Amino acid sequence: MKSGEAMGSVYRCPVCGAEISLIRPGGGHLTPVCCNVKMELLGEVNAVYHCSVCRCTVMQIVDRGGTLSPRCCNRSMERVTGAHPPL
């Protein structure tokens, strides 16, 4: 995994402002392009949560300052840190 290619990493287009977020890093080197320009890696990382029962994974795209506590399979989901959610 290259630097910046962590789960939840956010990239922004310097031309139009479009944003993408990395859900699951692969074996290659991600180089997103938009408006024929390389997208910039931002310093922020979106929060990712994982269900230990069914393996569902969700990503928080916008944080409005609330206290998100996602639940799945009648359990609290665990916040993921690192490159991949637990299997």
Protein backbone atom coordinates (compact mmCIF):
# COMPACT_ATOMS: atom_id res chain seq x y z
CA MET A 1 0.00 0.00 0.00
CA LYS A 2 1.39 3.40 -1.00
CA SER A 3 1.19 6.45 1.26
CA GLY A 4 -2.26 7.99 1.18
CA GLU A 5 -3.87 4.80 -0.10
CA ALA A 6 -5.62 3.97 3.15
CA MET A 7 -9.29 3.13 3.48
CA GLY A 8 -11.26 6.37 3.67
CA SER A 9 -8.62 8.55 1.95
CA VAL A 10 -10.24 11.49 0.14
CA TYR A 11 -9.17 12.89 -3.24
CA ARG A 12 -10.45 16.20 -4.74
CA CYS A 13 -10.38 17.54 -8.29
CA PRO A 14 -8.62 20.94 -8.29
CA VAL A 15 -10.71 22.03 -11.31
CA CYS A 16 -14.35 21.14 -10.51
CA GLY A 17 -14.14 20.18 -6.81
CA ALA A 18 -15.42 16.61 -7.29
CA GLU A 19 -14.37 14.28 -4.47
CA ILE A 20 -13.87 10.53 -4.23
CA SER A 21 -13.10 8.36 -1.24
CA LEU A 22 -11.12 5.13 -1.29
CA ILE A 23 -13.26 2.24 -0.06
CA ARG A 24 -10.79 -0.64 -0.36
CA PRO A 25 -7.17 -0.28 -1.48
CA GLY A 26 -5.98 -2.74 -4.10
CA GLY A 27 -2.55 -3.97 -5.12
CA GLY A 28 -1.89 -1.15 -7.60
CA HIS A 29 -1.21 2.54 -7.20
CA LEU A 30 -4.38 4.66 -7.33
CA THR A 31 -4.00 7.76 -9.52
CA PRO A 32 -7.47 9.28 -9.95
CA VAL A 33 -7.95 11.82 -12.75
CA CYS A 34 -10.83 14.27 -13.24
CA CYS A 35 -11.14 17.10 -15.77
CA ASN A 36 -7.92 15.72 -17.35
CA VAL A 37 -6.03 16.66 -14.16
CA LYS A 38 -4.62 14.43 -11.40
CA MET A 39 -6.83 14.59 -8.31
CA GLU A 40 -5.22 15.82 -5.08
CA LEU A 41 -5.02 13.68 -1.95
CA LEU A 42 -6.52 15.60 0.96
CA GLY A 43 -5.37 15.21 4.53
CA GLU A 44 -8.80 14.08 5.70
CA VAL A 45 -9.98 10.50 6.00
CA ASN A 46 -13.64 9.45 6.02
CA ALA A 47 -14.73 7.23 8.91
CA VAL A 48 -15.36 3.56 8.00
CA TYR A 49 -17.39 1.13 10.13
CA HIS A 50 -17.56 -2.69 9.94
CA CYS A 51 -20.13 -5.23 11.16
CA SER A 52 -18.44 -8.17 12.87
CA VAL A 53 -21.44 -10.43 12.16
CA CYS A 54 -22.25 -10.02 8.44
CA ARG A 55 -19.10 -8.09 7.36
CA CYS A 56 -21.09 -5.12 6.05
CA THR A 57 -18.88 -2.03 5.70
CA VAL A 58 -20.14 1.56 5.59
CA MET A 59 -18.38 4.89 5.12
CA GLN A 60 -19.40 8.23 6.61
CA ILE A 61 -19.15 10.74 3.76
CA VAL A 62 -20.21 13.94 5.56
CA ASP A 63 -19.75 14.69 9.25
CA ARG A 64 -22.20 17.30 10.53
CA GLY A 65 -20.83 17.17 14.07
CA GLY A 66 -23.32 14.60 15.37
CA THR A 67 -22.55 11.35 17.13
CA LEU A 68 -22.87 8.66 14.47
CA SER A 69 -23.28 5.17 15.97
CA PRO A 70 -24.12 2.81 13.09
CA ARG A 71 -25.71 -0.51 13.98
CA CYS A 72 -25.98 -3.70 11.94
CA CYS A 73 -27.21 -7.18 12.90
CA ASN A 74 -28.49 -5.62 16.14
CA ARG A 75 -24.92 -4.67 17.21
CA SER A 76 -22.83 -1.53 17.17
CA MET A 77 -20.52 -1.41 14.18
CA GLU A 78 -16.78 -1.12 14.85
CA ARG A 79 -14.80 1.82 13.47
CA VAL A 80 -12.09 0.56 11.12
CA THR A 81 -8.55 1.85 11.27
CA GLY A 82 -5.92 0.86 8.76
CA ALA A 83 -6.09 -0.33 5.18
CA HIS A 84 -8.73 -3.07 5.26
CA PRO A 85 -11.70 -4.02 7.44
CA PRO A 86 -11.33 -7.20 9.47
CA LEU A 87 -12.46 -10.39 7.72
